[in-house]
Amino acid sequence: MNPGFEGGMATSLSAGIRSVQDIANGVLIMLADQPLITVAHLWSLVGTWSGNHHAICASAFAETAGPPVIFPRRYFPELAKLEGDRGAKAVLDLYRDEVITIQFDDAAVDIDRPDDLVGIQTTGSIKGL
């Protein structure tokens, strides 16, 4: 649980990292507002990361790298230090030379407004993407 959830997204990341830091070799960070992420893509990330345990394995979309993303244990301290309403993008950017990406254009689709959800329910994608 994250008793400090009102402090922003970074507090949830930090709480999650603290809860697994002694037992996990890596963490898969996903966002709840990316409904088009597939199990096949997640397995692709895991498979790539399994052969590269020291690399960050991220999704590539819209000319960027982002979630879903797997961070190895060695990045846990950096992730735990994040503050405010920021995700792990700062850590991805800081260590961009250590990131392996898997192309997955549907990761660019996220739900920010009720209209976005309606668009996905009727067409399977957000209008304009």
Protein backbone atom coordinates (compact mmCIF):
# COMPACT_ATOMS: atom_id res chain seq x y z
CA MET A 1 0.00 0.00 0.00
CA ASN A 2 1.02 3.58 -0.58
CA PRO A 3 -0.14 5.79 2.29
CA GLY A 4 1.39 8.80 0.53
CA PHE A 5 -0.53 8.38 -2.74
CA GLU A 6 -1.63 12.01 -2.67
CA GLY A 7 2.02 12.96 -3.20
CA GLY A 8 1.87 11.84 -6.83
CA MET A 9 2.80 8.97 -9.12
CA ALA A 10 6.40 8.79 -7.90
CA THR A 11 5.25 7.88 -4.39
CA SER A 12 3.52 4.78 -5.78
CA LEU A 13 6.62 3.79 -7.73
CA SER A 14 8.77 4.27 -4.65
CA ALA A 15 6.38 2.26 -2.45
CA GLY A 16 6.33 -0.56 -4.99
CA ILE A 17 10.12 -0.63 -5.29
CA ARG A 18 10.55 -0.67 -1.51
CA SER A 19 8.14 -3.59 -1.23
CA VAL A 20 10.13 -5.82 -3.63
CA GLN A 21 13.70 -4.52 -3.39
CA ASP A 22 14.94 -7.46 -1.34
CA ILE A 23 13.35 -10.21 -3.42
CA ALA A 24 13.06 -9.07 -7.05
CA ASN A 25 15.68 -9.05 -9.78
CA GLY A 26 13.63 -6.54 -11.74
CA VAL A 27 10.28 -4.79 -11.92
CA LEU A 28 7.78 -4.43 -14.73
CA ILE A 29 6.18 -1.00 -14.61
CA MET A 30 2.87 -0.63 -16.40
CA LEU A 31 0.30 2.14 -16.52
CA ALA A 32 -3.38 1.45 -15.99
CA ASP A 33 -4.38 3.89 -18.73
CA GLN A 34 -2.78 1.94 -21.61
CA PRO A 35 -5.59 -0.47 -22.52
CA LEU A 36 -4.11 -1.78 -25.79
CA ILE A 37 -1.07 -3.42 -24.17
CA THR A 38 -1.11 -7.10 -25.05
CA VAL A 39 0.11 -10.17 -23.23
CA ALA A 40 2.24 -10.95 -26.29
CA HIS A 41 4.02 -7.60 -25.94
CA LEU A 42 4.63 -8.17 -22.23
CA TRP A 43 6.12 -11.59 -22.99
CA SER A 44 8.31 -9.96 -25.64
CA LEU A 45 9.64 -7.51 -23.04
CA VAL A 46 10.24 -10.32 -20.54
CA GLY A 47 11.95 -12.48 -23.15
CA THR A 48 14.26 -9.67 -24.23
CA TRP A 49 15.05 -8.70 -20.64
CA SER A 50 15.72 -12.32 -19.67
CA GLY A 51 18.69 -12.33 -22.03
CA ASN A 52 19.86 -8.87 -20.89
CA HIS A 53 19.36 -8.69 -17.11
CA HIS A 54 21.45 -5.54 -16.79
CA ALA A 55 19.56 -3.53 -19.40
CA ILE A 56 16.33 -1.58 -19.10
CA CYS A 57 13.80 -3.07 -21.51
CA ALA A 58 11.17 -0.53 -22.64
CA SER A 59 8.39 -0.17 -25.15
CA ALA A 60 9.06 2.08 -28.14
CA PHE A 61 6.21 4.22 -29.47
CA ALA A 62 5.61 7.72 -30.81
CA GLU A 63 9.36 8.33 -31.14
CA THR A 64 10.02 7.68 -27.45
CA ALA A 65 10.71 4.88 -24.98
CA GLY A 66 8.28 4.27 -22.14
CA PRO A 67 5.98 1.88 -20.35
CA PRO A 68 5.52 -0.92 -20.11
CA VAL A 69 9.16 -1.10 -19.06
CA ILE A 70 11.32 -3.53 -17.10
CA PHE A 71 13.96 -2.09 -14.78
CA PRO A 72 16.65 -4.38 -13.35
CA ARG A 73 17.40 -4.28 -9.63
CA ARG A 74 20.39 -1.97 -10.08
CA TYR A 75 17.99 0.89 -10.94
CA PHE A 76 15.83 0.43 -7.84
CA PRO A 77 17.62 3.18 -5.86
CA GLU A 78 17.03 5.70 -8.68
CA LEU A 79 13.37 4.74 -8.97
CA ALA A 80 12.88 4.94 -5.20
CA LYS A 81 14.21 8.54 -5.18
CA LEU A 82 11.64 9.88 -7.65
CA GLU A 83 9.33 12.54 -6.27
CA GLY A 84 6.06 14.21 -7.13
CA ASP A 85 3.81 13.39 -10.03
CA ARG A 86 6.60 12.01 -12.18
CA GLY A 87 6.96 8.51 -13.48
CA ALA A 88 10.09 6.61 -14.37
CA LYS A 89 10.73 8.62 -17.57
CA ALA A 90 13.51 10.57 -15.86
CA VAL A 91 15.37 7.33 -15.13
CA LEU A 92 14.83 6.11 -18.70
CA ASP A 93 16.23 9.36 -20.04
CA LEU A 94 19.19 9.36 -17.66
CA TYR A 95 20.23 5.86 -18.71
CA ARG A 96 19.10 5.97 -22.36
CA ASP A 97 22.28 4.22 -23.51
CA GLU A 98 21.32 1.21 -21.40
CA VAL A 99 17.79 0.88 -22.78
CA ILE A 100 16.72 -1.85 -25.19
CA THR A 101 13.42 -1.04 -26.89
CA ILE A 102 10.71 -3.23 -28.34
CA GLN A 103 8.51 -1.44 -30.88
CA PHE A 104 4.85 -1.41 -29.85
CA ASP A 105 2.92 1.49 -31.37
CA ASP A 106 -0.27 0.75 -29.39
CA ALA A 107 1.53 1.74 -26.19
CA ALA A 108 0.95 5.35 -27.32
CA VAL A 109 -2.77 4.90 -26.73
CA ASP A 110 -3.87 5.95 -23.27
CA ILE A 111 -7.12 6.92 -21.62
CA ASP A 112 -7.08 10.45 -20.25
CA ARG A 113 -10.70 11.49 -20.79
CA PRO A 114 -14.06 9.70 -20.95
CA ASP A 115 -14.17 10.43 -24.71
CA ASP A 116 -10.96 8.41 -25.14
CA LEU A 117 -12.65 5.38 -23.63
CA VAL A 118 -15.67 5.75 -25.89
CA GLY A 119 -13.34 5.92 -28.89
CA ILE A 120 -11.60 2.69 -27.91
CA GLN A 121 -14.86 0.88 -27.25
CA THR A 122 -16.21 1.68 -30.69
CA THR A 123 -13.10 1.59 -32.90
CA GLY A 124 -10.37 -0.15 -30.91
CA SER A 125 -8.20 2.99 -30.99
CA ILE A 126 -8.19 6.65 -30.03
CA LYS A 127 -9.31 9.07 -32.73
CA GLY A 128 -6.35 10.78 -34.35
CA LEU A 129 -3.82 8.06 -33.55
